[in-house]
């Protein structure tokens, strides 16, 4: 440069904060669209179809999936521009890379992200009701959420059912032997009952019950249990805050169920009363902090607060409840467990699970 000095000022080289934020917003729009398209790819089984074939045209893919080619082609456009599917412009063929398929197909459970993408569409259906709640207060009830129990059943199959026997029960080494011997077990907020039915299948000598406030979910659970021929499990529509079965159960479980209760403190007290003196409460809930600043480091912090605002918090408020929300946090959970009467509280995290924390609790 012949010793010449640069004439570019620091102002010219500095990143414009406004432009930087605009880039972030554009990326957010792309990600939101991609989430919707991934949800559709899951529901139409397009990912499952593409995972099993070589590069193929949109016509071939549509034919294998038994779908309309024009829709499949447009969906593939989103997948290619979103970096999910590879496209050969000369041969006009599409390929789902194996590493991508390992995170997007039913065969990849419990690591199928496409299941979780469905929540974006589920929540979008109640946006009008949520906006009204911002203005008038109160909340949006469970029955307003289209496909909620269907999607929750799939989510539960990943977060709980798929790892229940191999990873979750071993958190308490004595538990499996007692279940084999035969004990009374209750699942609080059982939803469609996938977790409690998995236990009933694995431990035929034990007797299982599932309680949930939603009649639709209980009806679904009863139908599935009857289809499976399970004789050691029952499901009831019950308000678990009013549970009155003192010292009946050796094990009570609550999988992602406590924070959206109308009166979570009353539910925890009822659980404590219902346990035998040597019983155990196994609670899975969201692994977040009770302090917002700590959740800024959470890899899914924004998603968790969105789920909270548009579901977990609002369904509690719809019942006149506490509205704890998804991010009530480990700190508050431990405090409320102690206030409910529990003396021994252990917290565990599983290496494969970024969402959840597991509490093994003794009276």
Protein backbone atom coordinates (compact mmCIF):
# COMPACT_ATOMS: atom_id res chain seq x y z
CA UNK A 1 0.00 0.00 0.00
CA UNK A 2 3.14 2.23 -0.27
CA UNK A 3 2.80 3.30 3.34
CA UNK A 4 -0.58 4.96 2.80
CA UNK A 5 -2.95 4.97 5.75
CA UNK A 6 -6.58 3.95 5.53
CA UNK A 7 -9.14 6.68 5.04
CA UNK A 8 -12.08 4.48 6.22
CA UNK A 9 -13.52 5.89 9.42
CA UNK A 10 -14.66 3.71 12.38
CA UNK A 11 -18.22 4.86 11.70
CA UNK A 12 -18.05 3.32 8.21
CA UNK A 13 -16.84 -0.08 9.46
CA UNK A 14 -19.10 -0.33 12.51
CA UNK A 15 -22.14 -2.60 12.28
CA UNK A 16 -25.38 -0.62 12.17
CA UNK A 17 -27.46 -1.92 15.13
CA UNK A 18 -30.66 -1.25 13.22
CA UNK A 19 -29.53 -3.28 10.20
CA UNK A 20 -28.31 -6.02 12.50
CA UNK A 21 -31.71 -6.24 14.20
CA UNK A 22 -33.47 -6.17 10.82
CA UNK A 23 -31.39 -9.20 9.80
CA UNK A 24 -32.47 -10.94 12.98
CA UNK A 25 -36.14 -10.21 12.24
CA UNK A 26 -35.85 -11.53 8.68
CA UNK A 27 -34.22 -14.68 9.99
CA UNK A 28 -37.09 -15.01 12.45
CA UNK A 29 -39.64 -14.83 9.63
CA UNK A 30 -37.79 -17.54 7.73
CA UNK A 31 -37.55 -19.72 10.84
CA UNK A 32 -41.24 -19.29 11.63
CA UNK A 33 -42.18 -20.33 8.10
CA UNK A 34 -39.80 -23.27 8.25
CA UNK A 35 -41.31 -24.44 11.54
CA UNK A 36 -44.78 -24.51 9.94
CA UNK A 37 -43.49 -26.43 6.93
CA UNK A 38 -41.64 -28.95 9.13
CA UNK A 39 -44.89 -29.54 11.03
CA UNK A 40 -46.65 -30.24 7.72
CA UNK A 41 -43.81 -32.53 6.66
CA UNK A 42 -44.35 -34.54 9.82
CA UNK A 43 -48.15 -34.72 9.56
CA UNK A 44 -48.06 -35.74 5.89
CA UNK A 45 -45.24 -38.24 6.57
CA UNK A 46 -43.13 -36.65 3.86
CA UNK A 47 -39.99 -36.86 6.00
CA UNK A 48 -40.58 -40.54 6.65
CA UNK A 49 -41.05 -41.16 2.92
CA UNK A 50 -37.98 -39.18 1.87
CA UNK A 51 -35.78 -40.80 4.49
CA UNK A 52 -36.18 -44.16 2.77
CA UNK A 53 -35.44 -43.22 -0.86
CA UNK A 54 -32.63 -42.00 -3.10
CA UNK A 55 -32.80 -38.54 -4.74
CA UNK A 56 -36.18 -38.24 -6.41
CA UNK A 57 -38.35 -35.79 -8.32
CA UNK A 58 -41.30 -34.01 -6.74
CA UNK A 59 -43.62 -36.29 -8.75
CA UNK A 60 -41.93 -39.43 -7.40
CA UNK A 61 -42.00 -38.15 -3.84
CA UNK A 62 -45.68 -37.15 -4.11
CA UNK A 63 -46.57 -40.54 -5.57
CA UNK A 64 -44.81 -42.43 -2.78
CA UNK A 65 -46.46 -40.24 -0.12
CA UNK A 66 -49.86 -40.42 -1.87
CA UNK A 67 -50.09 -36.64 -1.94
CA UNK A 68 -50.74 -33.95 -4.57
CA UNK A 69 -47.56 -33.07 -6.45
CA UNK A 70 -48.18 -29.32 -6.65
CA UNK A 71 -48.34 -29.04 -2.87
CA UNK A 72 -45.35 -31.33 -2.41
CA UNK A 73 -43.30 -29.24 -4.86
CA UNK A 74 -44.06 -26.00 -3.00
CA UNK A 75 -43.28 -27.67 0.33
CA UNK A 76 -39.98 -28.87 -1.11
CA UNK A 77 -39.22 -25.27 -2.07
CA UNK A 78 -39.44 -24.29 1.58
CA UNK A 79 -37.33 -27.29 2.59
CA UNK A 80 -34.59 -26.48 0.06
CA UNK A 81 -34.40 -22.75 0.83
CA UNK A 82 -34.54 -23.59 4.53
CA UNK A 83 -31.52 -25.89 4.29
CA UNK A 84 -33.40 -29.06 5.20
CA UNK A 85 -33.50 -30.81 1.80
CA UNK A 86 -30.82 -30.83 -0.90
CA UNK A 87 -31.76 -30.02 -4.52
CA UNK A 88 -30.01 -30.98 -7.77
CA UNK A 89 -30.99 -28.25 -10.29
CA UNK A 90 -29.82 -30.28 -13.29
CA UNK A 91 -31.69 -33.50 -12.47
CA UNK A 92 -34.53 -31.72 -10.61
CA UNK A 93 -34.25 -34.17 -7.73
CA UNK A 94 -34.54 -33.76 -3.97
CA UNK A 95 -32.72 -35.54 -1.17
CA UNK A 96 -33.27 -35.55 2.58
CA UNK A 97 -29.75 -36.02 4.01
CA UNK A 98 -29.42 -38.89 6.44
CA UNK A 99 -28.22 -36.63 9.26
CA UNK A 100 -31.30 -34.43 8.82
CA UNK A 101 -33.60 -37.46 8.71
CA UNK A 102 -32.15 -38.54 12.05
CA UNK A 103 -33.83 -35.50 13.65
CA UNK A 104 -37.06 -35.31 11.63
CA UNK A 105 -38.60 -38.76 11.23
CA UNK A 106 -40.74 -41.01 13.38
CA UNK A 107 -37.88 -43.50 13.40
CA UNK A 108 -35.71 -40.91 15.18
CA UNK A 109 -37.88 -40.78 18.33
CA UNK A 110 -37.09 -39.47 20.96
CA UNK A 111 -35.14 -36.90 18.90
CA UNK A 112 -37.81 -36.05 16.32
CA UNK A 113 -37.92 -32.24 16.28
CA UNK A 114 -40.78 -32.31 13.76
CA UNK A 115 -43.16 -33.41 16.52
CA UNK A 116 -42.41 -30.29 18.55
CA UNK A 117 -42.78 -28.00 15.50
CA UNK A 118 -46.51 -28.81 15.54
CA UNK A 119 -46.96 -26.54 18.56
CA UNK A 120 -46.49 -23.46 16.36
CA UNK A 121 -49.66 -24.28 14.41
CA UNK A 122 -51.54 -25.37 17.54
CA UNK A 123 -50.78 -22.08 19.27
CA UNK A 124 -51.52 -20.03 16.18
CA UNK A 125 -55.12 -21.25 16.23
CA UNK A 126 -55.78 -19.45 19.54
CA UNK A 127 -54.01 -16.16 18.81
CA UNK A 128 -57.28 -14.20 18.68
CA UNK A 129 -58.37 -15.59 22.05
CA UNK A 130 -54.96 -14.83 23.58
CA UNK A 131 -55.10 -11.22 22.34
CA UNK A 132 -58.55 -10.89 23.93
CA UNK A 133 -57.15 -12.24 27.21
CA UNK A 134 -54.42 -9.57 27.11
CA UNK A 135 -57.20 -6.98 27.04
CA UNK A 136 -59.83 -8.43 29.39
CA UNK A 137 -57.78 -10.74 31.62
CA UNK A 138 -58.61 -14.35 32.40
CA UNK A 139 -57.41 -17.11 30.15
CA UNK A 140 -58.10 -19.50 27.29
CA UNK A 141 -59.45 -22.94 28.33
CA UNK A 142 -58.08 -26.32 27.29
CA UNK A 143 -61.01 -27.03 24.97
CA UNK A 144 -60.07 -24.07 22.75
CA UNK A 145 -56.82 -25.75 21.67
CA UNK A 146 -57.32 -27.70 18.45
CA UNK A 147 -55.31 -30.96 18.30
CA UNK A 148 -53.78 -30.30 21.72
CA UNK A 149 -54.19 -33.83 23.10
CA UNK A 150 -53.11 -35.38 19.81
CA UNK A 151 -49.87 -33.40 19.70
CA UNK A 152 -49.29 -33.77 23.43
CA UNK A 153 -49.59 -37.53 23.08
CA UNK A 154 -46.82 -37.48 20.46
CA UNK A 155 -44.70 -35.14 22.57
CA UNK A 156 -45.16 -37.34 25.63
CA UNK A 157 -44.13 -40.37 23.59
CA UNK A 158 -40.79 -38.64 23.03
CA UNK A 159 -40.08 -36.86 26.29
CA UNK A 160 -41.42 -39.50 28.68
CA UNK A 161 -42.61 -42.80 27.20
CA UNK A 162 -39.57 -43.52 25.02
CA UNK A 163 -37.15 -43.04 27.93
CA UNK A 164 -39.34 -44.06 30.87
CA UNK A 165 -37.97 -47.52 31.57
CA UNK A 166 -34.39 -46.98 30.44
CA UNK A 167 -33.62 -43.54 31.89
CA UNK A 168 -36.36 -42.14 34.13
CA UNK A 169 -37.25 -45.00 36.50
CA UNK A 170 -33.55 -45.76 37.23
CA UNK A 171 -33.27 -42.29 38.81
CA UNK A 172 -34.56 -44.09 41.93
CA UNK A 173 -32.77 -47.49 42.04
CA UNK A 174 -35.36 -49.14 44.35
CA UNK A 175 -38.34 -48.23 42.26
CA UNK A 176 -38.25 -50.91 39.57
CA UNK A 177 -38.09 -53.80 42.06
CA UNK A 178 -41.12 -52.49 43.94
CA UNK A 179 -43.10 -52.08 40.74
CA UNK A 180 -42.31 -55.68 39.83
CA UNK A 181 -43.51 -56.79 43.28
CA UNK A 182 -46.78 -54.91 42.90
CA UNK A 183 -47.74 -51.46 44.27
CA UNK A 184 -50.41 -48.79 43.84
CA UNK A 185 -49.45 -46.06 41.35
CA UNK A 186 -51.19 -42.81 40.38
CA UNK A 187 -50.36 -40.52 37.45
CA UNK A 188 -51.52 -36.92 37.98
CA UNK A 189 -52.60 -35.01 34.86
CA UNK A 190 -52.33 -38.18 32.81
CA UNK A 191 -53.60 -36.68 29.55
CA UNK A 192 -54.04 -39.44 26.98
CA UNK A 193 -52.36 -41.89 29.36
CA UNK A 194 -49.35 -42.98 27.29
CA UNK A 195 -46.90 -42.93 30.21
CA UNK A 196 -49.08 -44.77 32.71
CA UNK A 197 -50.02 -47.38 30.11
CA UNK A 198 -46.33 -47.99 29.38
CA UNK A 199 -45.83 -48.66 33.08
CA UNK A 200 -48.90 -50.89 33.27
CA UNK A 201 -47.56 -53.00 30.41
CA UNK A 202 -44.12 -53.32 31.97
CA UNK A 203 -45.29 -54.08 35.53
CA UNK A 204 -48.43 -56.27 35.42
CA UNK A 205 -48.41 -56.92 39.19
CA UNK A 206 -48.82 -53.23 40.01
CA UNK A 207 -52.12 -51.34 39.81
CA UNK A 208 -52.23 -48.00 38.00
CA UNK A 209 -54.59 -45.03 37.87
CA UNK A 210 -54.56 -41.92 35.74
CA UNK A 211 -56.47 -38.75 36.70
CA UNK A 212 -57.04 -35.76 34.43
CA UNK A 213 -59.46 -32.85 34.35
CA UNK A 214 -60.07 -33.16 30.58
CA UNK A 215 -62.80 -35.62 29.67
CA UNK A 216 -61.60 -35.88 26.06
CA UNK A 217 -58.14 -36.96 27.16
CA UNK A 218 -59.54 -39.52 29.61
CA UNK A 219 -61.82 -40.95 26.90
CA UNK A 220 -58.79 -41.30 24.61
CA UNK A 221 -56.81 -43.03 27.37
CA UNK A 222 -59.63 -45.46 28.17
CA UNK A 223 -60.02 -46.40 24.50
CA UNK A 224 -56.28 -47.02 24.09
CA UNK A 225 -56.11 -49.09 27.30
CA UNK A 226 -59.04 -51.22 26.18
CA UNK A 227 -57.45 -51.73 22.77
CA UNK A 228 -54.22 -52.84 24.46
CA UNK A 229 -56.13 -55.20 26.76
CA UNK A 230 -54.71 -53.68 29.94
CA UNK A 231 -56.55 -54.85 33.04
CA UNK A 232 -54.36 -53.16 35.67
CA UNK A 233 -55.01 -49.52 34.74
CA UNK A 234 -57.99 -47.20 35.16
CA UNK A 235 -58.60 -43.59 34.09
CA UNK A 236 -60.89 -41.04 35.72
CA UNK A 237 -61.90 -37.42 35.21
CA UNK A 238 -60.82 -35.88 38.51
CA UNK A 239 -59.82 -32.52 39.95
CA UNK A 240 -56.53 -33.59 41.50
CA UNK A 241 -56.48 -30.55 43.80
CA UNK A 242 -59.36 -32.23 45.65
CA UNK A 243 -57.71 -35.64 45.81
CA UNK A 244 -58.77 -37.45 48.99
CA UNK A 245 -57.04 -40.83 49.08
CA UNK A 246 -54.79 -40.62 52.15
CA UNK A 247 -51.69 -42.83 52.20
CA UNK A 248 -52.96 -44.95 49.31
CA UNK A 249 -50.14 -44.83 46.76
CA UNK A 250 -46.56 -45.99 46.81
CA UNK A 251 -45.71 -44.01 43.67
CA UNK A 252 -47.30 -40.86 42.26
CA UNK A 253 -46.07 -39.40 38.99
CA UNK A 254 -46.70 -36.06 37.30
CA UNK A 255 -45.26 -35.62 33.82
CA UNK A 256 -45.27 -31.97 32.68
CA UNK A 257 -48.51 -31.45 34.60
CA UNK A 258 -48.02 -29.39 37.77
CA UNK A 259 -47.23 -25.91 36.47
CA UNK A 260 -50.48 -25.48 34.52
CA UNK A 261 -52.76 -26.60 37.34
CA UNK A 262 -55.26 -24.04 38.64
CA UNK A 263 -53.99 -24.54 42.20
CA UNK A 264 -50.58 -26.24 41.99
CA UNK A 265 -49.89 -25.76 45.71
CA UNK A 266 -53.10 -27.63 46.60
CA UNK A 267 -52.22 -30.39 44.13
CA UNK A 268 -48.78 -30.86 45.68
CA UNK A 269 -50.32 -31.00 49.17
CA UNK A 270 -52.84 -33.59 47.95
CA UNK A 271 -50.03 -35.67 46.47
CA UNK A 272 -48.16 -35.55 49.78
CA UNK A 273 -51.26 -36.72 51.68
CA UNK A 274 -51.89 -39.52 49.20
CA UNK A 275 -48.44 -41.09 49.46
CA UNK A 276 -47.60 -43.94 51.77
CA UNK A 277 -44.95 -43.06 54.41
CA UNK A 278 -42.27 -44.80 52.34
CA UNK A 279 -43.73 -43.66 49.03
CA UNK A 280 -42.22 -41.59 46.24
CA UNK A 281 -43.30 -38.67 44.07
CA UNK A 282 -41.69 -38.54 40.61
CA UNK A 283 -42.23 -35.20 38.90
CA UNK A 284 -41.05 -34.19 35.45
CA UNK A 285 -41.30 -30.51 34.62
CA UNK A 286 -39.64 -27.92 32.43
CA UNK A 287 -35.95 -27.30 33.13
CA UNK A 288 -35.96 -23.53 33.48
CA UNK A 289 -35.04 -21.02 36.14
CA UNK A 290 -37.46 -18.95 38.19
CA UNK A 291 -35.27 -15.96 37.28
CA UNK A 292 -35.69 -14.46 33.81
CA UNK A 293 -32.08 -13.39 33.47
CA UNK A 294 -30.91 -16.99 33.81
CA UNK A 295 -33.33 -18.17 31.12
CA UNK A 296 -31.63 -15.85 28.61
CA UNK A 297 -29.01 -18.58 28.36
CA UNK A 298 -31.57 -21.35 27.81
CA UNK A 299 -31.32 -22.75 24.24
CA UNK A 300 -35.13 -22.73 23.97
CA UNK A 301 -35.94 -19.84 26.30
CA UNK A 302 -38.04 -17.85 23.83
CA UNK A 303 -40.02 -20.93 22.81
CA UNK A 304 -40.73 -21.80 26.46
CA UNK A 305 -42.10 -18.34 27.25
CA UNK A 306 -44.21 -18.51 24.07
CA UNK A 307 -45.67 -21.88 25.09
CA UNK A 308 -46.32 -20.41 28.52
CA UNK A 309 -48.07 -17.25 27.35
CA UNK A 310 -50.20 -19.09 24.78
CA UNK A 311 -50.95 -22.28 26.70
CA UNK A 312 -49.65 -23.23 30.13
CA UNK A 313 -50.22 -19.90 31.87
CA UNK A 314 -53.49 -19.12 30.13
CA UNK A 315 -55.20 -22.49 30.76
CA UNK A 316 -54.49 -22.05 34.47
CA UNK A 317 -55.83 -18.49 34.45
CA UNK A 318 -58.92 -19.70 32.58
CA UNK A 319 -59.76 -21.74 35.69
CA UNK A 320 -59.15 -18.76 37.97
CA UNK A 321 -55.82 -20.31 38.83
CA UNK A 322 -52.32 -19.23 39.77
CA UNK A 323 -51.00 -19.01 36.21
CA UNK A 324 -47.50 -20.14 37.15
CA UNK A 325 -46.51 -20.63 33.54
CA UNK A 326 -44.03 -22.92 31.86
CA UNK A 327 -41.01 -21.12 33.33
CA UNK A 328 -42.06 -21.28 36.98
CA UNK A 329 -38.56 -22.69 37.39
CA UNK A 330 -36.66 -25.26 39.38
CA UNK A 331 -36.15 -22.87 42.31
CA UNK A 332 -39.87 -22.23 42.81
CA UNK A 333 -40.69 -25.90 42.22
CA UNK A 334 -38.34 -26.93 45.02
CA UNK A 335 -39.78 -24.26 47.33
CA UNK A 336 -43.37 -25.36 46.68
CA UNK A 337 -42.48 -29.02 47.20
CA UNK A 338 -41.00 -28.17 50.61
CA UNK A 339 -44.05 -26.09 51.51
CA UNK A 340 -46.29 -29.04 50.56
CA UNK A 341 -44.52 -31.14 53.21
CA UNK A 342 -41.87 -33.02 51.24
CA UNK A 343 -38.56 -33.43 53.03
CA UNK A 344 -36.22 -35.06 50.52
CA UNK A 345 -35.96 -33.50 47.04
CA UNK A 346 -33.48 -34.64 44.41
CA UNK A 347 -33.24 -33.01 40.98
CA UNK A 348 -31.93 -34.84 37.93
CA UNK A 349 -31.27 -34.00 34.29
CA UNK A 350 -30.86 -36.48 31.45
CA UNK A 351 -28.11 -35.91 28.86
CA UNK A 352 -30.43 -36.28 25.87
CA UNK A 353 -33.20 -34.00 27.22
CA UNK A 354 -32.76 -30.22 26.98
CA UNK A 355 -36.40 -29.58 27.95
CA UNK A 356 -36.94 -31.27 31.30
CA UNK A 357 -35.85 -31.63 34.89
CA UNK A 358 -36.82 -34.65 36.98
CA UNK A 359 -37.62 -34.40 40.68
CA UNK A 360 -37.43 -37.51 42.86
CA UNK A 361 -39.25 -36.56 46.04
CA UNK A 362 -39.89 -38.37 49.34
CA UNK A 363 -42.44 -37.40 52.03
